[in-house]
Amino acid sequence: MKLNLPNKITFSRIFLTLVMIFFYLTDFVPYGKIIAVILFIIAACTDFVDGHIARKYNLVTNLGKLLDPIADKLLVMSALVMVVADGTIPAPYGALACITIIGRDFIIGALRQVVAANGKVLAADKWGKYKTACLDTTIPMIMAIAFNTEYNIVSGMWLVGFTIFTYAIFAIAIFLTIYSGANYLIKNKSAYLE
């Protein structure tokens, strides 16, 4: 099977995610965490690029529909689990955030599978896209805090301000996660209450 350009870009996001994990977790590569931040940003940008190309040039495929959400969730969940595991998001808030985000995605994914079994497709709504954009913005900022903890590049009021700003955006992302999930379930209740 020949892969089209959007699918190649999606596969590159999965590869970048694996490389990002390596650099974030490794201790022997100088500035590994900042390399991981850069890789996360590049990988997150590919999410917008592959979808845009697929729609613009009519290159939407079943493989792309399958791989794109998997690649997105792999990227976000990997980074989120790492910043929770290393304590950058303090306990118990990190664990609660992880459970909320992963739980929401499992529920919506299961709903889509149930609906797909009946020959229907549930498209993503705007609130889910806002949630994704917010997470794609805040997670590299949280990773940067972990990097700063290791190298102490920024300190004082700058660090306090950046940290407060970052966690405020993350709180918005959590709110959007809950709201978008509830909104999706309510809006599509006819699809699973038949």
N, C-alpha and C. Protein backbone atom coordinates (compact mmCIF):
# COMPACT_ATOMS: atom_id res chain seq x y z
N MET A 1 0.84 -1.18 0.00
CA MET A 1 0.00 0.00 0.00
C MET A 1 0.88 1.24 0.00
N LYS A 2 0.61 2.17 -0.90
CA LYS A 2 1.38 3.40 -1.01
C LYS A 2 0.77 4.46 -0.09
N LEU A 3 1.62 5.07 0.73
CA LEU A 3 1.15 6.10 1.66
C LEU A 3 1.11 7.45 0.95
N ASN A 4 0.01 8.19 1.17
CA ASN A 4 -0.02 9.55 0.63
C ASN A 4 0.68 10.50 1.60
N LEU A 5 0.83 11.76 1.21
CA LEU A 5 1.58 12.72 2.01
C LEU A 5 1.00 12.93 3.41
N PRO A 6 -0.32 13.13 3.56
CA PRO A 6 -0.84 13.30 4.92
C PRO A 6 -0.55 12.11 5.83
N ASN A 7 -0.65 10.89 5.29
CA ASN A 7 -0.36 9.71 6.11
C ASN A 7 1.12 9.63 6.49
N LYS A 8 1.98 10.05 5.58
CA LYS A 8 3.42 10.09 5.90
C LYS A 8 3.69 11.09 7.02
N ILE A 9 3.00 12.22 6.96
CA ILE A 9 3.17 13.23 8.01
C ILE A 9 2.67 12.69 9.35
N THR A 10 1.56 11.96 9.31
CA THR A 10 1.02 11.36 10.54
C THR A 10 2.00 10.36 11.13
N PHE A 11 2.59 9.51 10.27
CA PHE A 11 3.61 8.57 10.74
C PHE A 11 4.81 9.30 11.32
N SER A 12 5.17 10.44 10.72
CA SER A 12 6.30 11.21 11.24
C SER A 12 5.99 11.73 12.64
N ARG A 13 4.71 12.04 12.92
CA ARG A 13 4.33 12.50 14.26
C ARG A 13 4.53 11.38 15.28
N ILE A 14 4.20 10.16 14.90
CA ILE A 14 4.42 9.02 15.81
C ILE A 14 5.90 8.84 16.06
N PHE A 15 6.71 8.94 15.01
CA PHE A 15 8.16 8.81 15.16
C PHE A 15 8.72 9.92 16.04
N LEU A 16 8.29 11.17 15.80
CA LEU A 16 8.75 12.30 16.60
C LEU A 16 8.37 12.13 18.07
N THR A 17 7.21 11.53 18.32
CA THR A 17 6.79 11.28 19.70
C THR A 17 7.76 10.34 20.40
N LEU A 18 8.16 9.28 19.71
CA LEU A 18 9.10 8.32 20.29
C LEU A 18 10.46 8.97 20.56
N VAL A 19 10.91 9.80 19.63
CA VAL A 19 12.18 10.50 19.82
C VAL A 19 12.07 11.51 20.97
N MET A 20 10.93 12.20 21.06
CA MET A 20 10.69 13.14 22.15
C MET A 20 10.77 12.44 23.50
N ILE A 21 10.16 11.26 23.61
CA ILE A 21 10.20 10.49 24.86
C ILE A 21 11.65 10.17 25.23
N PHE A 22 12.43 9.74 24.25
CA PHE A 22 13.83 9.42 24.49
C PHE A 22 14.58 10.62 25.07
N PHE A 23 14.46 11.77 24.43
CA PHE A 23 15.20 12.95 24.88
C PHE A 23 14.71 13.47 26.23
N TYR A 24 13.43 13.35 26.48
CA TYR A 24 12.91 13.84 27.77
C TYR A 24 13.41 12.98 28.92
N LEU A 25 13.48 11.68 28.70
CA LEU A 25 13.82 10.75 29.78
C LEU A 25 15.32 10.51 29.94
N THR A 26 16.10 10.82 28.91
CA THR A 26 17.52 10.52 28.99
C THR A 26 18.26 11.51 29.88
N ASP A 27 19.28 11.02 30.56
CA ASP A 27 20.09 11.89 31.42
C ASP A 27 21.44 12.22 30.81
N PHE A 28 21.86 11.44 29.82
CA PHE A 28 23.21 11.61 29.29
C PHE A 28 23.30 12.57 28.11
N VAL A 29 22.16 13.06 27.61
CA VAL A 29 22.17 14.04 26.52
C VAL A 29 21.96 15.43 27.14
N PRO A 30 22.93 16.33 26.98
CA PRO A 30 22.75 17.67 27.53
C PRO A 30 21.52 18.35 26.93
N TYR A 31 20.76 19.00 27.78
CA TYR A 31 19.56 19.74 27.35
C TYR A 31 18.53 18.85 26.64
N GLY A 32 18.48 17.61 27.07
CA GLY A 32 17.53 16.67 26.46
C GLY A 32 16.09 17.12 26.57
N LYS A 33 15.74 17.72 27.71
CA LYS A 33 14.35 18.13 27.90
C LYS A 33 13.96 19.28 26.97
N ILE A 34 14.88 20.19 26.70
CA ILE A 34 14.53 21.29 25.79
C ILE A 34 14.43 20.77 24.36
N ILE A 35 15.23 19.76 24.02
CA ILE A 35 15.09 19.11 22.70
C ILE A 35 13.71 18.46 22.61
N ALA A 36 13.29 17.83 23.72
CA ALA A 36 11.96 17.20 23.76
C ALA A 36 10.86 18.23 23.56
N VAL A 37 11.01 19.42 24.17
CA VAL A 37 10.02 20.49 24.00
C VAL A 37 9.91 20.88 22.53
N ILE A 38 11.06 21.06 21.88
CA ILE A 38 11.07 21.45 20.47
C ILE A 38 10.43 20.37 19.60
N LEU A 39 10.74 19.11 19.90
CA LEU A 39 10.15 18.00 19.15
C LEU A 39 8.64 17.93 19.35
N PHE A 40 8.18 18.20 20.57
CA PHE A 40 6.73 18.22 20.83
C PHE A 40 6.06 19.28 19.97
N ILE A 41 6.63 20.47 19.94
CA ILE A 41 6.05 21.57 19.16
C ILE A 41 5.99 21.23 17.68
N ILE A 42 7.08 20.67 17.16
CA ILE A 42 7.10 20.27 15.74
C ILE A 42 6.04 19.21 15.47
N ALA A 43 5.98 18.20 16.35
CA ALA A 43 5.01 17.11 16.18
C ALA A 43 3.57 17.64 16.26
N ALA A 44 3.32 18.56 17.20
CA ALA A 44 1.96 19.13 17.32
C ALA A 44 1.58 19.91 16.07
N CYS A 45 2.56 20.59 15.47
CA CYS A 45 2.28 21.34 14.23
C CYS A 45 1.91 20.40 13.08
N THR A 46 2.50 19.20 13.06
CA THR A 46 2.19 18.27 11.97
C THR A 46 0.73 17.84 12.02
N ASP A 47 0.10 17.92 13.21
CA ASP A 47 -1.31 17.56 13.33
C ASP A 47 -2.18 18.48 12.48
N PHE A 48 -1.85 19.76 12.47
CA PHE A 48 -2.62 20.71 11.67
C PHE A 48 -2.27 20.58 10.19
N VAL A 49 -1.01 20.28 9.90
CA VAL A 49 -0.56 20.21 8.51
C VAL A 49 -1.18 19.02 7.79
N ASP A 50 -1.14 17.83 8.41
CA ASP A 50 -1.66 16.64 7.70
C ASP A 50 -3.16 16.74 7.43
N GLY A 51 -3.90 17.26 8.43
CA GLY A 51 -5.34 17.42 8.22
C GLY A 51 -5.67 18.44 7.14
N HIS A 52 -4.93 19.54 7.13
CA HIS A 52 -5.15 20.58 6.12
C HIS A 52 -4.89 20.05 4.71
N ILE A 53 -3.77 19.35 4.55
CA ILE A 53 -3.42 18.81 3.23
C ILE A 53 -4.45 17.76 2.80
N ALA A 54 -4.85 16.89 3.73
CA ALA A 54 -5.80 15.82 3.40
C ALA A 54 -7.12 16.40 2.92
N ARG A 55 -7.61 17.44 3.60
CA ARG A 55 -8.89 18.03 3.21
C ARG A 55 -8.77 18.86 1.93
N LYS A 56 -7.71 19.63 1.83
CA LYS A 56 -7.55 20.53 0.68
C LYS A 56 -7.40 19.77 -0.63
N TYR A 57 -6.63 18.67 -0.59
CA TYR A 57 -6.35 17.93 -1.83
C TYR A 57 -7.12 16.62 -1.93
N ASN A 58 -8.16 16.49 -1.10
CA ASN A 58 -9.01 15.30 -1.13
C ASN A 58 -8.20 14.01 -0.98
N LEU A 59 -7.35 14.00 0.05
CA LEU A 59 -6.49 12.84 0.30
C LEU A 59 -6.87 12.13 1.61
N VAL A 60 -8.12 12.31 2.02
CA VAL A 60 -8.60 11.66 3.24
C VAL A 60 -8.73 10.16 2.99
N THR A 61 -8.11 9.35 3.84
CA THR A 61 -8.17 7.89 3.70
C THR A 61 -8.62 7.26 5.01
N ASN A 62 -9.04 6.01 4.94
CA ASN A 62 -9.41 5.28 6.15
C ASN A 62 -8.20 5.11 7.07
N LEU A 63 -7.03 4.88 6.48
CA LEU A 63 -5.81 4.76 7.28
C LEU A 63 -5.54 6.07 8.03
N GLY A 64 -5.72 7.18 7.35
CA GLY A 64 -5.53 8.47 7.97
C GLY A 64 -6.52 8.73 9.11
N LYS A 65 -7.78 8.33 8.88
CA LYS A 65 -8.80 8.49 9.92
C LYS A 65 -8.47 7.65 11.16
N LEU A 66 -7.84 6.50 10.93
CA LEU A 66 -7.45 5.63 12.04
C LEU A 66 -6.21 6.16 12.75
N LEU A 67 -5.18 6.51 11.97
CA LEU A 67 -3.89 6.87 12.55
C LEU A 67 -3.85 8.25 13.17
N ASP A 68 -4.56 9.22 12.58
CA ASP A 68 -4.44 10.60 13.04
C ASP A 68 -4.81 10.77 14.52
N PRO A 69 -5.98 10.28 14.97
CA PRO A 69 -6.28 10.43 16.40
C PRO A 69 -5.34 9.62 17.30
N ILE A 70 -4.86 8.47 16.80
CA ILE A 70 -3.91 7.68 17.59
C ILE A 70 -2.62 8.47 17.78
N ALA A 71 -2.12 9.06 16.69
CA ALA A 71 -0.88 9.84 16.75
C ALA A 71 -1.04 11.04 17.68
N ASP A 72 -2.20 11.71 17.61
CA ASP A 72 -2.46 12.87 18.47
C ASP A 72 -2.43 12.48 19.94
N LYS A 73 -3.15 11.42 20.26
CA LYS A 73 -3.26 11.01 21.65
C LYS A 73 -1.92 10.47 22.17
N LEU A 74 -1.18 9.76 21.33
CA LEU A 74 0.12 9.26 21.73
C LEU A 74 1.06 10.41 22.09
N LEU A 75 1.04 11.45 21.28
CA LEU A 75 1.90 12.62 21.54
C LEU A 75 1.53 13.29 22.86
N VAL A 76 0.26 13.65 22.99
CA VAL A 76 -0.19 14.40 24.17
C VAL A 76 -0.08 13.56 25.44
N MET A 77 -0.54 12.30 25.39
CA MET A 77 -0.53 11.46 26.58
C MET A 77 0.88 11.11 27.03
N SER A 78 1.78 10.89 26.08
CA SER A 78 3.17 10.58 26.44
C SER A 78 3.79 11.73 27.20
N ALA A 79 3.64 12.94 26.65
CA ALA A 79 4.21 14.12 27.30
C ALA A 79 3.55 14.36 28.66
N LEU A 80 2.24 14.20 28.71
CA LEU A 80 1.52 14.44 29.96
C LEU A 80 1.95 13.46 31.04
N VAL A 81 2.04 12.19 30.69
CA VAL A 81 2.46 11.18 31.67
C VAL A 81 3.87 11.47 32.17
N MET A 82 4.76 11.92 31.29
CA MET A 82 6.14 12.20 31.72
C MET A 82 6.21 13.36 32.70
N VAL A 83 5.45 14.45 32.45
CA VAL A 83 5.51 15.59 33.37
C VAL A 83 4.78 15.30 34.68
N VAL A 84 3.84 14.35 34.65
CA VAL A 84 3.20 13.93 35.89
C VAL A 84 4.14 13.02 36.67
N ALA A 85 4.79 12.09 35.97
CA ALA A 85 5.68 11.12 36.62
C ALA A 85 6.88 11.80 37.29
N ASP A 86 7.40 12.86 36.66
CA ASP A 86 8.58 13.50 37.27
C ASP A 86 8.21 14.60 38.27
N GLY A 87 6.90 14.77 38.53
CA GLY A 87 6.46 15.70 39.56
C GLY A 87 6.38 17.15 39.13
N THR A 88 6.55 17.43 37.84
CA THR A 88 6.45 18.81 37.37
C THR A 88 5.04 19.35 37.61
N ILE A 89 4.04 18.50 37.37
CA ILE A 89 2.68 18.82 37.83
C ILE A 89 2.54 18.13 39.18
N PRO A 90 2.42 18.90 40.25
CA PRO A 90 2.45 18.30 41.59
C PRO A 90 1.30 17.34 41.84
N ALA A 91 1.58 16.34 42.68
CA ALA A 91 0.53 15.40 43.11
C ALA A 91 -0.40 16.12 44.06
N PRO A 92 -1.69 15.77 44.07
CA PRO A 92 -2.36 14.77 43.24
C PRO A 92 -2.92 15.36 41.94
N TYR A 93 -2.63 16.65 41.68
CA TYR A 93 -3.25 17.33 40.54
C TYR A 93 -2.84 16.72 39.21
N GLY A 94 -1.60 16.30 39.11
CA GLY A 94 -1.13 15.69 37.86
C GLY A 94 -1.88 14.41 37.55
N ALA A 95 -2.03 13.56 38.58
CA ALA A 95 -2.74 12.30 38.38
C ALA A 95 -4.20 12.55 38.01
N LEU A 96 -4.83 13.51 38.69
CA LEU A 96 -6.24 13.83 38.39
C LEU A 96 -6.38 14.36 36.96
N ALA A 97 -5.44 15.21 36.55
CA ALA A 97 -5.47 15.75 35.18
C ALA A 97 -5.31 14.63 34.16
N CYS A 98 -4.36 13.73 34.43
CA CYS A 98 -4.11 12.59 33.53
C CYS A 98 -5.36 11.73 33.40
N ILE A 99 -5.96 11.39 34.52
CA ILE A 99 -7.16 10.55 34.51
C ILE A 99 -8.29 11.24 33.75
N THR A 100 -8.44 12.54 33.97
CA THR A 100 -9.52 13.30 33.30
C THR A 100 -9.34 13.29 31.80
N ILE A 101 -8.13 13.61 31.34
CA ILE A 101 -7.87 13.71 29.90
C ILE A 101 -7.94 12.34 29.23
N ILE A 102 -7.29 11.36 29.82
CA ILE A 102 -7.31 10.01 29.24
C ILE A 102 -8.72 9.43 29.29
N GLY A 103 -9.41 9.63 30.41
CA GLY A 103 -10.77 9.12 30.55
C GLY A 103 -11.71 9.71 29.52
N ARG A 104 -11.62 11.02 29.32
CA ARG A 104 -12.46 11.68 28.33
C ARG A 104 -12.22 11.10 26.94
N ASP A 105 -10.95 10.92 26.59
CA ASP A 105 -10.63 10.40 25.26
C ASP A 105 -11.10 8.95 25.08
N PHE A 106 -11.01 8.14 26.14
CA PHE A 106 -11.51 6.77 26.06
C PHE A 106 -13.02 6.75 25.86
N ILE A 107 -13.73 7.58 26.61
CA ILE A 107 -15.19 7.62 26.50
C ILE A 107 -15.63 8.05 25.11
N ILE A 108 -15.03 9.13 24.61
CA ILE A 108 -15.40 9.63 23.27
C ILE A 108 -15.00 8.62 22.20
N GLY A 109 -13.84 7.98 22.37
CA GLY A 109 -13.41 6.96 21.41
C GLY A 109 -14.35 5.77 21.38
N ALA A 110 -14.80 5.35 22.57
CA ALA A 110 -15.75 4.23 22.64
C ALA A 110 -17.08 4.60 21.99
N LEU A 111 -17.53 5.83 22.24
CA LEU A 111 -18.78 6.30 21.63
C LEU A 111 -18.67 6.28 20.11
N ARG A 112 -17.55 6.73 19.60
CA ARG A 112 -17.37 6.74 18.14
C ARG A 112 -17.38 5.33 17.57
N GLN A 113 -16.81 4.37 18.31
CA GLN A 113 -16.81 2.99 17.83
C GLN A 113 -18.23 2.41 17.81
N VAL A 114 -19.00 2.70 18.85
CA VAL A 114 -20.38 2.22 18.90
C VAL A 114 -21.17 2.78 17.74
N VAL A 115 -21.02 4.07 17.50
CA VAL A 115 -21.75 4.73 16.42
C VAL A 115 -21.27 4.23 15.06
N ALA A 116 -19.95 4.02 14.92
CA ALA A 116 -19.39 3.53 13.66
C ALA A 116 -19.92 2.14 13.33
N ALA A 117 -20.17 1.32 14.36
CA ALA A 117 -20.72 -0.02 14.14
C ALA A 117 -22.10 0.04 13.51
N ASN A 118 -22.78 1.18 13.69
CA ASN A 118 -24.09 1.38 13.08
C ASN A 118 -24.01 2.16 11.78
N GLY A 119 -22.80 2.29 11.25
CA GLY A 119 -22.62 2.93 9.96
C GLY A 119 -22.65 4.44 9.99
N LYS A 120 -22.47 5.03 11.16
CA LYS A 120 -22.48 6.49 11.27
C LYS A 120 -21.10 7.00 11.67
N VAL A 121 -20.87 8.28 11.42
CA VAL A 121 -19.60 8.91 11.78
C VAL A 121 -19.90 10.13 12.63
N LEU A 122 -19.22 10.24 13.76
CA LEU A 122 -19.36 11.43 14.60
C LEU A 122 -18.12 12.30 14.41
N ALA A 123 -18.31 13.46 13.86
CA ALA A 123 -17.19 14.36 13.62
C ALA A 123 -16.80 15.06 14.92
N ALA A 124 -15.54 15.47 14.98
CA ALA A 124 -15.06 16.24 16.12
C ALA A 124 -15.75 17.61 16.11
N ASP A 125 -16.03 18.13 17.31
CA ASP A 125 -16.65 19.45 17.36
C ASP A 125 -15.62 20.51 17.73
N LYS A 126 -16.05 21.77 17.71
CA LYS A 126 -15.10 22.87 17.91
C LYS A 126 -14.51 22.87 19.32
N TRP A 127 -15.30 22.42 20.33
CA TRP A 127 -14.79 22.43 21.70
C TRP A 127 -13.66 21.43 21.88
N GLY A 128 -13.75 20.30 21.21
CA GLY A 128 -12.67 19.33 21.24
C GLY A 128 -11.41 19.88 20.59
N LYS A 129 -11.59 20.66 19.53
CA LYS A 129 -10.44 21.28 18.86
C LYS A 129 -9.81 22.35 19.74
N TYR A 130 -10.65 23.10 20.46
CA TYR A 130 -10.11 24.10 21.40
C TYR A 130 -9.32 23.41 22.51
N LYS A 131 -9.85 22.28 22.98
CA LYS A 131 -9.16 21.52 24.02
C LYS A 131 -7.79 21.05 23.54
N THR A 132 -7.76 20.53 22.32
CA THR A 132 -6.50 20.05 21.75
C THR A 132 -5.50 21.19 21.58
N ALA A 133 -5.97 22.31 21.07
CA ALA A 133 -5.08 23.47 20.88
C ALA A 133 -4.53 23.95 22.22
N CYS A 134 -5.37 23.94 23.24
CA CYS A 134 -4.94 24.38 24.57
C CYS A 134 -3.91 23.42 25.16
N LEU A 135 -4.12 22.13 25.02
CA LEU A 135 -3.16 21.14 25.50
C LEU A 135 -1.85 21.22 24.72
N ASP A 136 -1.95 21.39 23.40
CA ASP A 136 -0.75 21.49 22.58
C ASP A 136 0.07 22.73 22.92
N THR A 137 -0.59 23.75 23.48
CA THR A 137 0.11 24.96 23.89
C THR A 137 0.72 24.80 25.28
N THR A 138 -0.05 24.25 26.20
CA THR A 138 0.40 24.24 27.60
C THR A 138 1.38 23.11 27.94
N ILE A 139 1.27 21.96 27.29
CA ILE A 139 2.15 20.84 27.64
C ILE A 139 3.63 21.16 27.38
N PRO A 140 4.01 21.76 26.23
CA PRO A 140 5.42 22.11 26.09
C PRO A 140 5.87 23.17 27.10
N MET A 141 4.96 24.02 27.54
CA MET A 141 5.30 25.01 28.57
C MET A 141 5.59 24.31 29.90
N ILE A 142 4.81 23.27 30.22
CA ILE A 142 5.05 22.50 31.43
C ILE A 142 6.37 21.74 31.31
N MET A 143 6.65 21.20 30.12
CA MET A 143 7.92 20.52 29.89
C MET A 143 9.09 21.49 30.05
N ALA A 144 8.88 22.75 29.65
CA ALA A 144 9.93 23.78 29.81
C ALA A 144 10.18 24.06 31.29
N ILE A 145 9.14 24.00 32.12
CA ILE A 145 9.32 24.17 33.56
C ILE A 145 10.21 23.05 34.10
N ALA A 146 9.98 21.82 33.63
CA ALA A 146 10.81 20.69 34.05
C ALA A 146 12.26 20.91 33.63
N PHE A 147 12.45 21.43 32.42
CA PHE A 147 13.80 21.73 31.93
C PHE A 147 14.45 22.79 32.82
N ASN A 148 13.70 23.83 33.17
CA ASN A 148 14.23 24.90 34.01
C ASN A 148 14.57 24.40 35.41
N THR A 149 13.79 23.47 35.92
CA THR A 149 14.07 22.88 37.24
C THR A 149 15.43 22.18 37.23
N GLU A 150 15.75 21.59 36.08
CA GLU A 150 17.02 20.86 35.96
C GLU A 150 18.21 21.80 35.81
N TYR A 151 18.04 22.91 35.06
CA TYR A 151 19.18 23.78 34.73
C TYR A 151 19.11 25.16 35.37
N ASN A 152 18.00 25.51 36.00
CA ASN A 152 17.83 26.77 36.70
C ASN A 152 18.25 27.98 35.85
N ILE A 153 17.69 28.07 34.66
CA ILE A 153 18.01 29.17 33.74
C ILE A 153 17.23 30.43 34.11
N VAL A 154 15.95 30.25 34.45
CA VAL A 154 15.09 31.38 34.84
C VAL A 154 14.72 31.21 36.30
N SER A 155 14.77 32.31 37.06
CA SER A 155 14.42 32.22 38.47
C SER A 155 13.66 33.47 38.88
N GLY A 156 13.32 33.55 40.15
CA GLY A 156 12.66 34.73 40.69
C GLY A 156 11.26 34.92 40.15
N MET A 157 10.88 36.18 40.00
CA MET A 157 9.52 36.53 39.59
C MET A 157 9.20 36.06 38.17
N TRP A 158 10.20 36.01 37.30
CA TRP A 158 9.97 35.52 35.94
C TRP A 158 9.47 34.08 35.97
N LEU A 159 10.13 33.26 36.78
CA LEU A 159 9.75 31.85 36.88
C LEU A 159 8.37 31.72 37.52
N VAL A 160 8.12 32.49 38.57
CA VAL A 160 6.82 32.44 39.24
C VAL A 160 5.71 32.85 38.27
N GLY A 161 5.94 33.94 37.54
CA GLY A 161 4.94 34.41 36.57
C GLY A 161 4.67 33.41 35.48
N PHE A 162 5.75 32.83 34.93
CA PHE A 162 5.61 31.84 33.86
C PHE A 162 4.88 30.60 34.37
N THR A 163 5.22 30.16 35.58
CA THR A 163 4.60 28.97 36.16
C THR A 163 3.11 29.19 36.39
N ILE A 164 2.75 30.35 36.96
CA ILE A 164 1.33 30.65 37.20
C ILE A 164 0.57 30.72 35.88
N PHE A 165 1.15 31.40 34.90
CA PHE A 165 0.52 31.52 33.58
C PHE A 165 0.32 30.13 32.94
N THR A 166 1.36 29.30 33.03
CA THR A 166 1.29 27.95 32.44
C THR A 166 0.19 27.11 33.08
N TYR A 167 0.14 27.10 34.41
CA TYR A 167 -0.86 26.28 35.09
C TYR A 167 -2.27 26.85 34.92
N ALA A 168 -2.37 28.16 34.71
CA ALA A 168 -3.68 28.75 34.42
C ALA A 168 -4.20 28.24 33.08
N ILE A 169 -3.32 28.20 32.07
CA ILE A 169 -3.72 27.67 30.76
C ILE A 169 -4.04 26.18 30.87
N PHE A 170 -3.26 25.47 31.68
CA PHE A 170 -3.51 24.04 31.86
C PHE A 170 -4.87 23.82 32.53
N ALA A 171 -5.23 24.67 33.49
CA ALA A 171 -6.54 24.57 34.13
C ALA A 171 -7.65 24.80 33.11
N ILE A 172 -7.44 25.74 32.20
CA ILE A 172 -8.41 25.97 31.12
C ILE A 172 -8.52 24.73 30.24
N ALA A 173 -7.38 24.10 29.96
CA ALA A 173 -7.37 22.88 29.14
C ALA A 173 -8.16 21.77 29.81
N ILE A 174 -8.03 21.65 31.14
CA ILE A 174 -8.78 20.63 31.87
C ILE A 174 -10.27 20.94 31.83
N PHE A 175 -10.62 22.21 32.01
CA PHE A 175 -12.02 22.61 31.92
C PHE A 175 -12.58 22.27 30.53
N LEU A 176 -11.82 22.61 29.48
CA LEU A 176 -12.27 22.33 28.12
C LEU A 176 -12.37 20.82 27.86
N THR A 177 -11.50 20.06 28.50
CA THR A 177 -11.56 18.60 28.39
C THR A 177 -12.90 18.09 28.92
N ILE A 178 -13.26 18.55 30.11
CA ILE A 178 -14.52 18.12 30.73
C ILE A 178 -15.71 18.64 29.94
N TYR A 179 -15.67 19.94 29.61
CA TYR A 179 -16.80 20.55 28.91
C TYR A 179 -17.01 19.94 27.54
N SER A 180 -15.91 19.78 26.78
CA SER A 180 -16.05 19.24 25.43
C SER A 180 -16.55 17.81 25.45
N GLY A 181 -16.09 17.03 26.45
CA GLY A 181 -16.56 15.65 26.57
C GLY A 181 -18.04 15.58 26.89
N ALA A 182 -18.47 16.39 27.87
CA ALA A 182 -19.89 16.42 28.25
C ALA A 182 -20.75 16.93 27.09
N ASN A 183 -20.28 17.97 26.44
CA ASN A 183 -21.01 18.55 25.30
C ASN A 183 -21.16 17.54 24.17
N TYR A 184 -20.10 16.78 23.92
CA TYR A 184 -20.10 15.77 22.86
C TYR A 184 -21.11 14.67 23.17
N LEU A 185 -21.13 14.23 24.43
CA LEU A 185 -22.06 13.17 24.83
C LEU A 185 -23.51 13.65 24.75
N ILE A 186 -23.76 14.88 25.20
CA ILE A 186 -25.12 15.42 25.18
C ILE A 186 -25.59 15.64 23.74
N LYS A 187 -24.72 16.24 22.92
CA LYS A 187 -25.07 16.57 21.55
C LYS A 187 -25.36 15.33 20.72
N ASN A 188 -24.68 14.23 21.04
CA ASN A 188 -24.83 13.01 20.25
C ASN A 188 -25.57 11.89 20.99
N LYS A 189 -26.38 12.24 21.99
CA LYS A 189 -27.04 11.21 22.80
C LYS A 189 -27.98 10.34 21.97
N SER A 190 -28.53 10.89 20.90
CA SER A 190 -29.43 10.09 20.07
C SER A 190 -28.69 8.95 19.39
N ALA A 191 -27.38 9.10 19.23
CA ALA A 191 -26.59 8.07 18.56
C ALA A 191 -26.36 6.84 19.44
N TYR A 192 -26.39 7.03 20.77
CA TYR A 192 -26.14 5.88 21.64
C TYR A 192 -27.31 5.54 22.56
N LEU A 193 -28.39 6.29 22.47
CA LEU A 193 -29.57 5.98 23.27
C LEU A 193 -30.70 5.36 22.44
N GLU A 194 -30.37 4.91 21.26
CA GLU A 194 -31.37 4.29 20.39
C GLU A 194 -31.75 2.92 20.90
